[in-house]
Amino acid sequence: MNELIILRDARPSRSDAVKNREQILKTVCDLIADRGVDQVTMSAVADAAGVGKGTLYRHFSSKTDLLEALLDADQHSLQERTLAHLRENPSEPLENLHWFLSEALAFVERNLRMLTSMDMLTPGSSVYHPAHLWWRQTIRGLLAQARPEIEVDYATDVLYMMLDPGVNYYLMIVRGYDVERVRSGLCKTCEQLLG
């Protein structure tokens, strides 16, 4: 066995490094809200966060890494809320399905500019991402509980694709539908699929 293999350092991060990372992420959120995703640069983030570029690049090697970290935090929050909601309401699969679709759509709407700036604008491009595949699994599980007699996989895929950032960019930005109109259409489509 090669003893020269270097394993990733498992030591906990220093408290100042953790604070720097949190400050950087907060700063990115503020800059995106103020300027938009496309106008945020790594230099602007370092300056606004009050950290050196070396510190910034030690935490995040690129703007894409920064955006992925923001999305990851929001995705984890959605997953935790979903698991808690499903535990609290185990016998309500239809209600849980509508709740989950609304929460997932809110995630997409909240992060739409980041998602679409990360080359996810083409419909279907994000559906293979592991962070989103659990959405499909959740939808499928709830549909199978609620209506096992329908074609569950097809209904799952229709609803899952309606949460795609590229589709929602088209609906909300190109076509100009507000998020409530999109949410209403998603819920109506769900009802039609359920028969």
N, C-alpha and C. Protein backbone atom coordinates (compact mmCIF):
# COMPACT_ATOMS: atom_id res chain seq x y z
N MET A 1 0.84 -1.18 0.00
CA MET A 1 0.00 0.00 0.00
C MET A 1 0.89 1.24 0.00
N ASN A 2 0.53 2.24 -0.75
CA ASN A 2 1.30 3.47 -0.84
C ASN A 2 1.00 4.36 0.36
N GLU A 3 2.00 4.58 1.20
CA GLU A 3 1.80 5.39 2.39
C GLU A 3 1.94 6.88 2.10
N LEU A 4 2.23 7.22 0.87
CA LEU A 4 2.39 8.62 0.51
C LEU A 4 1.07 9.28 0.10
N ILE A 5 0.01 8.52 0.10
CA ILE A 5 -1.28 9.09 -0.26
C ILE A 5 -1.67 10.12 0.80
N ILE A 6 -1.97 11.29 0.35
CA ILE A 6 -2.35 12.37 1.27
C ILE A 6 -3.86 12.40 1.37
N LEU A 7 -4.33 12.25 2.59
CA LEU A 7 -5.76 12.30 2.82
C LEU A 7 -6.17 13.73 3.09
N ARG A 8 -7.38 14.04 2.76
CA ARG A 8 -7.92 15.37 3.02
C ARG A 8 -7.88 15.65 4.52
N ASP A 9 -7.47 16.84 4.88
CA ASP A 9 -7.37 17.23 6.29
C ASP A 9 -8.75 17.27 6.91
N ALA A 10 -8.96 16.45 7.94
CA ALA A 10 -10.27 16.36 8.58
C ALA A 10 -10.36 17.24 9.82
N ARG A 11 -9.32 18.03 10.09
CA ARG A 11 -9.37 18.91 11.25
C ARG A 11 -10.47 19.95 11.06
N PRO A 12 -11.09 20.36 12.15
CA PRO A 12 -12.12 21.39 12.03
C PRO A 12 -11.51 22.71 11.56
N SER A 13 -12.30 23.51 10.87
CA SER A 13 -11.84 24.81 10.40
C SER A 13 -11.61 25.74 11.58
N ARG A 14 -10.65 26.61 11.43
CA ARG A 14 -10.42 27.63 12.45
C ARG A 14 -11.63 28.55 12.50
N SER A 15 -11.87 29.12 13.66
CA SER A 15 -13.06 29.98 13.81
C SER A 15 -12.99 31.20 12.91
N ASP A 16 -11.79 31.76 12.68
CA ASP A 16 -11.70 32.91 11.79
C ASP A 16 -11.98 32.50 10.34
N ALA A 17 -11.58 31.29 9.97
CA ALA A 17 -11.87 30.81 8.62
C ALA A 17 -13.36 30.60 8.43
N VAL A 18 -14.03 30.08 9.45
CA VAL A 18 -15.48 29.89 9.39
C VAL A 18 -16.17 31.25 9.27
N LYS A 19 -15.72 32.22 10.07
CA LYS A 19 -16.30 33.57 10.02
C LYS A 19 -16.09 34.21 8.66
N ASN A 20 -14.88 34.04 8.10
CA ASN A 20 -14.60 34.59 6.77
C ASN A 20 -15.53 33.98 5.73
N ARG A 21 -15.70 32.67 5.79
CA ARG A 21 -16.57 31.99 4.82
C ARG A 21 -18.00 32.50 4.93
N GLU A 22 -18.50 32.61 6.17
CA GLU A 22 -19.86 33.11 6.37
C GLU A 22 -19.99 34.55 5.88
N GLN A 23 -18.97 35.38 6.15
CA GLN A 23 -19.00 36.77 5.70
C GLN A 23 -19.00 36.84 4.18
N ILE A 24 -18.21 36.01 3.56
CA ILE A 24 -18.16 35.98 2.09
C ILE A 24 -19.52 35.60 1.52
N LEU A 25 -20.15 34.56 2.06
CA LEU A 25 -21.46 34.13 1.55
C LEU A 25 -22.52 35.20 1.76
N LYS A 26 -22.51 35.84 2.92
CA LYS A 26 -23.47 36.92 3.18
C LYS A 26 -23.25 38.07 2.20
N THR A 27 -21.98 38.40 1.97
CA THR A 27 -21.65 39.48 1.04
C THR A 27 -22.12 39.16 -0.36
N VAL A 28 -21.92 37.92 -0.80
CA VAL A 28 -22.37 37.53 -2.14
C VAL A 28 -23.89 37.70 -2.25
N CYS A 29 -24.62 37.27 -1.24
CA CYS A 29 -26.08 37.44 -1.25
C CYS A 29 -26.46 38.91 -1.40
N ASP A 30 -25.80 39.76 -0.61
CA ASP A 30 -26.09 41.20 -0.67
C ASP A 30 -25.75 41.78 -2.03
N LEU A 31 -24.60 41.41 -2.57
CA LEU A 31 -24.19 41.92 -3.88
C LEU A 31 -25.13 41.46 -4.99
N ILE A 32 -25.55 40.21 -4.93
CA ILE A 32 -26.49 39.70 -5.94
C ILE A 32 -27.81 40.45 -5.86
N ALA A 33 -28.30 40.68 -4.64
CA ALA A 33 -29.55 41.41 -4.47
C ALA A 33 -29.43 42.84 -4.99
N ASP A 34 -28.26 43.44 -4.80
CA ASP A 34 -28.04 44.83 -5.20
C ASP A 34 -27.73 44.99 -6.68
N ARG A 35 -26.88 44.11 -7.22
CA ARG A 35 -26.37 44.29 -8.58
C ARG A 35 -26.87 43.27 -9.59
N GLY A 36 -27.32 42.13 -9.11
CA GLY A 36 -27.64 41.03 -10.02
C GLY A 36 -26.45 40.10 -10.15
N VAL A 37 -26.72 38.85 -10.44
CA VAL A 37 -25.68 37.82 -10.49
C VAL A 37 -24.58 38.15 -11.50
N ASP A 38 -24.96 38.60 -12.67
CA ASP A 38 -23.98 38.81 -13.73
C ASP A 38 -22.98 39.92 -13.42
N GLN A 39 -23.36 40.86 -12.56
CA GLN A 39 -22.49 41.99 -12.25
C GLN A 39 -21.58 41.75 -11.05
N VAL A 40 -21.69 40.60 -10.42
CA VAL A 40 -20.86 40.29 -9.24
C VAL A 40 -19.58 39.59 -9.70
N THR A 41 -18.45 40.17 -9.31
CA THR A 41 -17.16 39.58 -9.64
C THR A 41 -16.47 39.11 -8.37
N MET A 42 -15.48 38.26 -8.52
CA MET A 42 -14.72 37.79 -7.36
C MET A 42 -14.01 38.96 -6.68
N SER A 43 -13.49 39.90 -7.45
CA SER A 43 -12.83 41.07 -6.87
C SER A 43 -13.81 41.89 -6.04
N ALA A 44 -15.01 42.09 -6.57
CA ALA A 44 -16.02 42.86 -5.84
C ALA A 44 -16.41 42.15 -4.55
N VAL A 45 -16.48 40.83 -4.58
CA VAL A 45 -16.82 40.06 -3.38
C VAL A 45 -15.73 40.25 -2.33
N ALA A 46 -14.48 40.09 -2.73
CA ALA A 46 -13.37 40.24 -1.78
C ALA A 46 -13.37 41.64 -1.17
N ASP A 47 -13.52 42.66 -2.00
CA ASP A 47 -13.54 44.04 -1.50
C ASP A 47 -14.70 44.28 -0.54
N ALA A 48 -15.89 43.89 -0.94
CA ALA A 48 -17.08 44.13 -0.11
C ALA A 48 -17.06 43.32 1.17
N ALA A 49 -16.48 42.13 1.14
CA ALA A 49 -16.42 41.28 2.33
C ALA A 49 -15.29 41.68 3.27
N GLY A 50 -14.38 42.52 2.76
CA GLY A 50 -13.26 42.95 3.58
C GLY A 50 -12.23 41.85 3.80
N VAL A 51 -12.09 40.98 2.80
CA VAL A 51 -11.09 39.91 2.87
C VAL A 51 -10.17 40.02 1.66
N GLY A 52 -9.00 39.46 1.79
CA GLY A 52 -8.07 39.43 0.67
C GLY A 52 -8.52 38.43 -0.38
N LYS A 53 -8.03 38.64 -1.58
CA LYS A 53 -8.39 37.71 -2.66
C LYS A 53 -7.89 36.29 -2.37
N GLY A 54 -6.75 36.19 -1.71
CA GLY A 54 -6.23 34.87 -1.34
C GLY A 54 -7.19 34.14 -0.41
N THR A 55 -7.73 34.88 0.55
CA THR A 55 -8.71 34.30 1.48
C THR A 55 -9.95 33.84 0.72
N LEU A 56 -10.42 34.70 -0.18
CA LEU A 56 -11.60 34.36 -0.97
C LEU A 56 -11.35 33.09 -1.78
N TYR A 57 -10.21 33.03 -2.46
CA TYR A 57 -9.93 31.88 -3.32
C TYR A 57 -9.59 30.61 -2.53
N ARG A 58 -9.18 30.75 -1.28
CA ARG A 58 -8.99 29.55 -0.45
C ARG A 58 -10.33 28.89 -0.14
N HIS A 59 -11.36 29.71 -0.03
CA HIS A 59 -12.70 29.18 0.26
C HIS A 59 -13.45 28.78 -1.02
N PHE A 60 -13.30 29.59 -2.06
CA PHE A 60 -14.06 29.38 -3.30
C PHE A 60 -13.15 29.64 -4.49
N SER A 61 -12.98 28.65 -5.34
CA SER A 61 -12.05 28.80 -6.45
C SER A 61 -12.62 29.60 -7.62
N SER A 62 -13.92 29.83 -7.61
CA SER A 62 -14.54 30.56 -8.72
C SER A 62 -15.89 31.12 -8.29
N LYS A 63 -16.44 31.95 -9.12
CA LYS A 63 -17.78 32.49 -8.88
C LYS A 63 -18.80 31.35 -8.86
N THR A 64 -18.61 30.37 -9.71
CA THR A 64 -19.52 29.22 -9.73
C THR A 64 -19.50 28.50 -8.39
N ASP A 65 -18.31 28.34 -7.80
CA ASP A 65 -18.22 27.72 -6.47
C ASP A 65 -19.00 28.51 -5.43
N LEU A 66 -18.91 29.84 -5.50
CA LEU A 66 -19.67 30.70 -4.59
C LEU A 66 -21.17 30.48 -4.75
N LEU A 67 -21.62 30.49 -5.99
CA LEU A 67 -23.05 30.32 -6.25
C LEU A 67 -23.51 28.94 -5.81
N GLU A 68 -22.70 27.92 -6.06
CA GLU A 68 -23.07 26.57 -5.63
C GLU A 68 -23.17 26.47 -4.12
N ALA A 69 -22.30 27.17 -3.40
CA ALA A 69 -22.37 27.16 -1.93
C ALA A 69 -23.66 27.80 -1.44
N LEU A 70 -24.07 28.90 -2.08
CA LEU A 70 -25.33 29.54 -1.70
C LEU A 70 -26.51 28.62 -1.99
N LEU A 71 -26.51 28.02 -3.16
CA LEU A 71 -27.59 27.10 -3.53
C LEU A 71 -27.62 25.88 -2.61
N ASP A 72 -26.44 25.38 -2.27
CA ASP A 72 -26.35 24.21 -1.40
C ASP A 72 -26.97 24.50 -0.03
N ALA A 73 -26.70 25.66 0.52
CA ALA A 73 -27.27 26.02 1.82
C ALA A 73 -28.79 26.09 1.74
N ASP A 74 -29.31 26.69 0.68
CA ASP A 74 -30.77 26.79 0.52
C ASP A 74 -31.38 25.42 0.26
N GLN A 75 -30.69 24.59 -0.51
CA GLN A 75 -31.16 23.24 -0.80
C GLN A 75 -31.23 22.40 0.48
N HIS A 76 -30.21 22.52 1.33
CA HIS A 76 -30.21 21.79 2.61
C HIS A 76 -31.37 22.24 3.49
N SER A 77 -31.63 23.52 3.49
CA SER A 77 -32.75 24.05 4.28
C SER A 77 -34.07 23.49 3.77
N LEU A 78 -34.24 23.47 2.45
CA LEU A 78 -35.46 22.89 1.85
C LEU A 78 -35.59 21.42 2.22
N GLN A 79 -34.51 20.69 2.16
CA GLN A 79 -34.55 19.27 2.47
C GLN A 79 -34.93 19.05 3.94
N GLU A 80 -34.35 19.82 4.83
CA GLU A 80 -34.68 19.69 6.26
C GLU A 80 -36.14 20.02 6.53
N ARG A 81 -36.62 21.12 5.93
CA ARG A 81 -38.04 21.49 6.09
C ARG A 81 -38.96 20.41 5.54
N THR A 82 -38.58 19.84 4.40
CA THR A 82 -39.39 18.80 3.77
C THR A 82 -39.46 17.56 4.66
N LEU A 83 -38.33 17.11 5.14
CA LEU A 83 -38.32 15.92 6.00
C LEU A 83 -39.14 16.15 7.26
N ALA A 84 -39.02 17.33 7.85
CA ALA A 84 -39.80 17.65 9.05
C ALA A 84 -41.29 17.67 8.72
N HIS A 85 -41.65 18.28 7.60
CA HIS A 85 -43.06 18.37 7.21
C HIS A 85 -43.64 16.97 6.95
N LEU A 86 -42.90 16.13 6.27
CA LEU A 86 -43.39 14.79 5.97
C LEU A 86 -43.52 13.94 7.23
N ARG A 87 -42.61 14.12 8.18
CA ARG A 87 -42.72 13.40 9.46
C ARG A 87 -43.95 13.85 10.24
N GLU A 88 -44.26 15.14 10.18
CA GLU A 88 -45.39 15.69 10.93
C GLU A 88 -46.73 15.35 10.29
N ASN A 89 -46.75 15.05 9.00
CA ASN A 89 -47.99 14.81 8.26
C ASN A 89 -47.90 13.53 7.44
N PRO A 90 -47.64 12.40 8.04
CA PRO A 90 -47.39 11.18 7.27
C PRO A 90 -48.60 10.65 6.51
N SER A 91 -49.80 10.99 6.93
CA SER A 91 -50.99 10.42 6.28
C SER A 91 -51.65 11.40 5.32
N GLU A 92 -50.92 12.41 4.87
CA GLU A 92 -51.48 13.43 3.98
C GLU A 92 -50.68 13.53 2.68
N PRO A 93 -50.59 12.48 1.87
CA PRO A 93 -49.71 12.53 0.70
C PRO A 93 -50.08 13.61 -0.32
N LEU A 94 -51.37 13.85 -0.55
CA LEU A 94 -51.74 14.88 -1.53
C LEU A 94 -51.40 16.27 -1.01
N GLU A 95 -51.73 16.52 0.24
CA GLU A 95 -51.40 17.81 0.84
C GLU A 95 -49.88 18.00 0.87
N ASN A 96 -49.17 16.94 1.21
CA ASN A 96 -47.70 17.00 1.23
C ASN A 96 -47.13 17.25 -0.16
N LEU A 97 -47.74 16.66 -1.17
CA LEU A 97 -47.28 16.87 -2.54
C LEU A 97 -47.44 18.33 -2.94
N HIS A 98 -48.61 18.89 -2.69
CA HIS A 98 -48.83 20.31 -3.02
C HIS A 98 -47.87 21.21 -2.23
N TRP A 99 -47.68 20.87 -0.95
CA TRP A 99 -46.75 21.65 -0.12
C TRP A 99 -45.34 21.58 -0.72
N PHE A 100 -44.90 20.37 -1.06
CA PHE A 100 -43.55 20.21 -1.59
C PHE A 100 -43.37 20.92 -2.93
N LEU A 101 -44.34 20.79 -3.82
CA LEU A 101 -44.24 21.47 -5.11
C LEU A 101 -44.13 22.98 -4.92
N SER A 102 -44.90 23.52 -3.99
CA SER A 102 -44.84 24.96 -3.71
C SER A 102 -43.49 25.36 -3.14
N GLU A 103 -42.96 24.55 -2.23
CA GLU A 103 -41.66 24.85 -1.63
C GLU A 103 -40.53 24.74 -2.66
N ALA A 104 -40.58 23.72 -3.50
CA ALA A 104 -39.55 23.55 -4.53
C ALA A 104 -39.62 24.69 -5.55
N LEU A 105 -40.83 25.08 -5.93
CA LEU A 105 -40.98 26.21 -6.85
C LEU A 105 -40.47 27.49 -6.22
N ALA A 106 -40.72 27.69 -4.93
CA ALA A 106 -40.21 28.87 -4.23
C ALA A 106 -38.68 28.88 -4.25
N PHE A 107 -38.06 27.70 -4.08
CA PHE A 107 -36.60 27.59 -4.17
C PHE A 107 -36.13 28.04 -5.56
N VAL A 108 -36.78 27.54 -6.60
CA VAL A 108 -36.39 27.90 -7.97
C VAL A 108 -36.56 29.39 -8.19
N GLU A 109 -37.69 29.94 -7.77
CA GLU A 109 -37.96 31.37 -7.98
C GLU A 109 -36.94 32.22 -7.22
N ARG A 110 -36.66 31.84 -5.98
CA ARG A 110 -35.72 32.58 -5.13
C ARG A 110 -34.31 32.58 -5.74
N ASN A 111 -33.95 31.50 -6.39
CA ASN A 111 -32.59 31.32 -6.90
C ASN A 111 -32.51 31.34 -8.42
N LEU A 112 -33.56 31.78 -9.08
CA LEU A 112 -33.65 31.67 -10.54
C LEU A 112 -32.47 32.32 -11.26
N ARG A 113 -32.10 33.51 -10.86
CA ARG A 113 -30.99 34.20 -11.54
C ARG A 113 -29.67 33.45 -11.35
N MET A 114 -29.45 32.91 -10.16
CA MET A 114 -28.22 32.14 -9.94
C MET A 114 -28.24 30.86 -10.76
N LEU A 115 -29.37 30.15 -10.72
CA LEU A 115 -29.48 28.88 -11.44
C LEU A 115 -29.29 29.08 -12.93
N THR A 116 -29.88 30.12 -13.47
CA THR A 116 -29.79 30.33 -14.91
C THR A 116 -28.44 30.90 -15.32
N SER A 117 -27.76 31.57 -14.40
CA SER A 117 -26.42 32.07 -14.74
C SER A 117 -25.39 30.96 -14.71
N MET A 118 -25.73 29.84 -14.10
CA MET A 118 -24.81 28.71 -13.99
C MET A 118 -25.02 27.72 -15.13
N ASP A 119 -25.45 28.22 -16.28
CA ASP A 119 -25.61 27.38 -17.47
C ASP A 119 -26.67 26.30 -17.27
N MET A 120 -27.73 26.66 -16.56
CA MET A 120 -28.84 25.73 -16.38
C MET A 120 -30.08 26.25 -17.10
N LEU A 121 -29.87 27.13 -18.07
CA LEU A 121 -30.99 27.77 -18.74
C LEU A 121 -31.73 26.83 -19.67
N THR A 122 -31.07 25.87 -20.24
CA THR A 122 -31.71 24.93 -21.14
C THR A 122 -32.66 24.03 -20.36
N PRO A 123 -33.94 23.97 -20.74
CA PRO A 123 -34.86 23.10 -20.01
C PRO A 123 -34.31 21.68 -19.90
N GLY A 124 -34.35 21.16 -18.69
CA GLY A 124 -33.89 19.80 -18.45
C GLY A 124 -32.45 19.69 -18.03
N SER A 125 -31.69 20.79 -18.13
CA SER A 125 -30.25 20.69 -17.85
C SER A 125 -29.94 20.43 -16.38
N SER A 126 -30.82 20.83 -15.47
CA SER A 126 -30.53 20.63 -14.04
C SER A 126 -31.17 19.37 -13.47
N VAL A 127 -32.00 18.71 -14.24
CA VAL A 127 -32.74 17.57 -13.68
C VAL A 127 -31.86 16.38 -13.35
N TYR A 128 -30.66 16.35 -13.89
CA TYR A 128 -29.75 15.25 -13.61
C TYR A 128 -28.83 15.55 -12.44
N HIS A 129 -28.88 16.76 -11.94
CA HIS A 129 -28.02 17.15 -10.83
C HIS A 129 -28.45 16.40 -9.57
N PRO A 130 -27.52 15.76 -8.87
CA PRO A 130 -27.88 14.98 -7.68
C PRO A 130 -28.67 15.77 -6.63
N ALA A 131 -28.39 17.06 -6.52
CA ALA A 131 -29.10 17.87 -5.54
C ALA A 131 -30.58 17.99 -5.87
N HIS A 132 -30.93 17.82 -7.14
CA HIS A 132 -32.33 17.92 -7.52
C HIS A 132 -33.01 16.56 -7.69
N LEU A 133 -32.24 15.51 -7.81
CA LEU A 133 -32.85 14.19 -8.00
C LEU A 133 -33.71 13.78 -6.81
N TRP A 134 -33.39 14.27 -5.62
CA TRP A 134 -34.24 13.93 -4.47
C TRP A 134 -35.61 14.59 -4.61
N TRP A 135 -35.70 15.69 -5.38
CA TRP A 135 -37.02 16.28 -5.64
C TRP A 135 -37.88 15.26 -6.37
N ARG A 136 -37.29 14.65 -7.41
CA ARG A 136 -38.04 13.65 -8.18
C ARG A 136 -38.45 12.49 -7.29
N GLN A 137 -37.54 12.03 -6.45
CA GLN A 137 -37.85 10.91 -5.55
C GLN A 137 -38.98 11.29 -4.59
N THR A 138 -38.96 12.50 -4.09
CA THR A 138 -40.01 12.95 -3.17
C THR A 138 -41.35 13.02 -3.88
N ILE A 139 -41.37 13.61 -5.07
CA ILE A 139 -42.62 13.69 -5.85
C ILE A 139 -43.14 12.30 -6.14
N ARG A 140 -42.26 11.41 -6.60
CA ARG A 140 -42.69 10.05 -6.94
C ARG A 140 -43.24 9.32 -5.72
N GLY A 141 -42.57 9.43 -4.60
CA GLY A 141 -43.04 8.76 -3.38
C GLY A 141 -44.41 9.25 -2.95
N LEU A 142 -44.63 10.55 -3.02
CA LEU A 142 -45.93 11.11 -2.62
C LEU A 142 -47.02 10.73 -3.61
N LEU A 143 -46.71 10.76 -4.91
CA LEU A 143 -47.69 10.33 -5.91
C LEU A 143 -48.06 8.86 -5.73
N ALA A 144 -47.07 8.03 -5.50
CA ALA A 144 -47.33 6.59 -5.32
C ALA A 144 -48.18 6.33 -4.08
N GLN A 145 -47.98 7.12 -3.04
CA GLN A 145 -48.81 6.99 -1.84
C GLN A 145 -50.24 7.46 -2.11
N ALA A 146 -50.35 8.57 -2.81
CA ALA A 146 -51.66 9.19 -3.01
C ALA A 146 -52.50 8.48 -4.06
N ARG A 147 -51.88 8.14 -5.20
CA ARG A 147 -52.61 7.56 -6.32
C ARG A 147 -51.78 6.47 -7.00
N PRO A 148 -51.64 5.32 -6.37
CA PRO A 148 -50.80 4.27 -6.97
C PRO A 148 -51.36 3.75 -8.29
N GLU A 149 -52.63 4.01 -8.57
CA GLU A 149 -53.25 3.48 -9.78
C GLU A 149 -52.90 4.29 -11.04
N ILE A 150 -52.37 5.51 -10.88
CA ILE A 150 -52.02 6.29 -12.06
C ILE A 150 -50.64 5.88 -12.57
N GLU A 151 -50.27 6.41 -13.72
CA GLU A 151 -48.93 6.16 -14.26
C GLU A 151 -47.96 7.07 -13.50
N VAL A 152 -47.48 6.58 -12.37
CA VAL A 152 -46.73 7.38 -11.40
C VAL A 152 -45.46 7.98 -12.00
N ASP A 153 -44.69 7.20 -12.75
CA ASP A 153 -43.43 7.72 -13.28
C ASP A 153 -43.66 8.86 -14.26
N TYR A 154 -44.64 8.73 -15.13
CA TYR A 154 -44.92 9.81 -16.08
C TYR A 154 -45.38 11.07 -15.35
N ALA A 155 -46.31 10.91 -14.43
CA ALA A 155 -46.81 12.06 -13.66
C ALA A 155 -45.67 12.72 -12.89
N THR A 156 -44.80 11.90 -12.33
CA THR A 156 -43.63 12.42 -11.61
C THR A 156 -42.76 13.27 -12.52
N ASP A 157 -42.47 12.74 -13.71
CA ASP A 157 -41.58 13.46 -14.62
C ASP A 157 -42.19 14.76 -15.11
N VAL A 158 -43.50 14.79 -15.36
CA VAL A 158 -44.15 16.03 -15.77
C VAL A 158 -44.01 17.09 -14.68
N LEU A 159 -44.33 16.71 -13.45
CA LEU A 159 -44.24 17.67 -12.34
C LEU A 159 -42.80 18.09 -12.08
N TYR A 160 -41.90 17.14 -12.15
CA TYR A 160 -40.48 17.42 -11.92
C TYR A 160 -39.94 18.41 -12.96
N MET A 161 -40.30 18.20 -14.23
CA MET A 161 -39.83 19.09 -15.28
C MET A 161 -40.41 20.50 -15.13
N MET A 162 -41.58 20.60 -14.52
CA MET A 162 -42.17 21.92 -14.32
C MET A 162 -41.42 22.72 -13.24
N LEU A 163 -40.52 22.08 -12.52
CA LEU A 163 -39.70 22.77 -11.52
C LEU A 163 -38.32 23.15 -12.08
N ASP A 164 -38.05 22.78 -13.32
CA ASP A 164 -36.76 23.05 -13.93
C ASP A 164 -36.51 24.56 -14.05
N PRO A 165 -35.30 25.03 -13.70
CA PRO A 165 -35.01 26.46 -13.80
C PRO A 165 -35.19 27.03 -15.20
N GLY A 166 -34.79 26.29 -16.23
CA GLY A 166 -34.96 26.77 -17.60
C GLY A 166 -36.42 26.98 -17.96
N VAL A 167 -37.27 26.04 -17.56
CA VAL A 167 -38.71 26.16 -17.80
C VAL A 167 -39.25 27.37 -17.05
N ASN A 168 -38.84 27.54 -15.80
CA ASN A 168 -39.35 28.65 -15.00
C ASN A 168 -38.78 29.99 -15.44
N TYR A 169 -37.58 30.01 -15.97
CA TYR A 169 -37.05 31.23 -16.57
C TYR A 169 -37.95 31.65 -17.73
N TYR A 170 -38.30 30.69 -18.56
CA TYR A 170 -39.18 30.98 -19.69
C TYR A 170 -40.53 31.51 -19.19
N LEU A 171 -41.12 30.82 -18.22
CA LEU A 171 -42.43 31.23 -17.73
C LEU A 171 -42.40 32.59 -17.04
N MET A 172 -41.43 32.79 -16.15
CA MET A 172 -41.41 34.01 -15.32
C MET A 172 -40.75 35.20 -15.99
N ILE A 173 -39.68 34.96 -16.71
CA ILE A 173 -38.93 36.08 -17.31
C ILE A 173 -39.36 36.35 -18.74
N VAL A 174 -39.37 35.32 -19.57
CA VAL A 174 -39.72 35.51 -20.98
C VAL A 174 -41.21 35.80 -21.13
N ARG A 175 -42.05 34.98 -20.52
CA ARG A 175 -43.51 35.14 -20.65
C ARG A 175 -44.09 36.13 -19.64
N GLY A 176 -43.39 36.38 -18.56
CA GLY A 176 -43.83 37.39 -17.60
C GLY A 176 -44.86 36.93 -16.57
N TYR A 177 -45.05 35.63 -16.41
CA TYR A 177 -45.98 35.15 -15.39
C TYR A 177 -45.37 35.35 -14.01
N ASP A 178 -46.18 35.83 -13.07
CA ASP A 178 -45.65 35.94 -11.71
C ASP A 178 -45.64 34.57 -11.06
N VAL A 179 -44.93 34.47 -9.94
CA VAL A 179 -44.73 33.17 -9.31
C VAL A 179 -46.05 32.56 -8.85
N GLU A 180 -47.01 33.38 -8.46
CA GLU A 180 -48.31 32.83 -8.03
C GLU A 180 -49.05 32.20 -9.20
N ARG A 181 -48.94 32.78 -10.38
CA ARG A 181 -49.56 32.20 -11.58
C ARG A 181 -48.90 30.87 -11.92
N VAL A 182 -47.59 30.82 -11.82
CA VAL A 182 -46.86 29.59 -12.11
C VAL A 182 -47.22 28.52 -11.07
N ARG A 183 -47.28 28.91 -9.81
CA ARG A 183 -47.64 27.97 -8.74
C ARG A 183 -49.05 27.43 -8.95
N SER A 184 -49.97 28.31 -9.30
CA SER A 184 -51.35 27.89 -9.56
C SER A 184 -51.41 26.90 -10.72
N GLY A 185 -50.68 27.19 -11.79
CA GLY A 185 -50.64 26.28 -12.94
C GLY A 185 -50.03 24.93 -12.59
N LEU A 186 -49.00 24.95 -11.76
CA LEU A 186 -48.36 23.72 -11.32
C LEU A 186 -49.34 22.87 -10.51
N CYS A 187 -50.07 23.51 -9.60
CA CYS A 187 -51.05 22.78 -8.78
C CYS A 187 -52.20 22.23 -9.63
N LYS A 188 -52.65 23.02 -10.61
CA LYS A 188 -53.73 22.55 -11.50
C LYS A 188 -53.24 21.37 -12.35
N THR A 189 -52.03 21.45 -12.84
CA THR A 189 -51.46 20.34 -13.61
C THR A 189 -51.38 19.09 -12.75
N CYS A 190 -50.97 19.27 -11.51
CA CYS A 190 -50.90 18.14 -10.58
C CYS A 190 -52.28 17.50 -10.41
N GLU A 191 -53.29 18.32 -10.20
CA GLU A 191 -54.66 17.80 -10.03
C GLU A 191 -55.12 17.05 -11.27
N GLN A 192 -54.82 17.58 -12.46
CA GLN A 192 -55.22 16.91 -13.69
C GLN A 192 -54.51 15.57 -13.85
N LEU A 193 -53.25 15.51 -13.49
CA LEU A 193 -52.51 14.25 -13.57
C LEU A 193 -53.06 13.20 -12.60
N LEU A 194 -53.56 13.68 -11.47
CA LEU A 194 -54.10 12.77 -10.46
C LEU A 194 -55.50 12.29 -10.80
N GLY A 195 -56.13 12.93 -11.77
CA GLY A 195 -57.46 12.50 -12.21
C GLY A 195 -58.50 12.92 -11.28
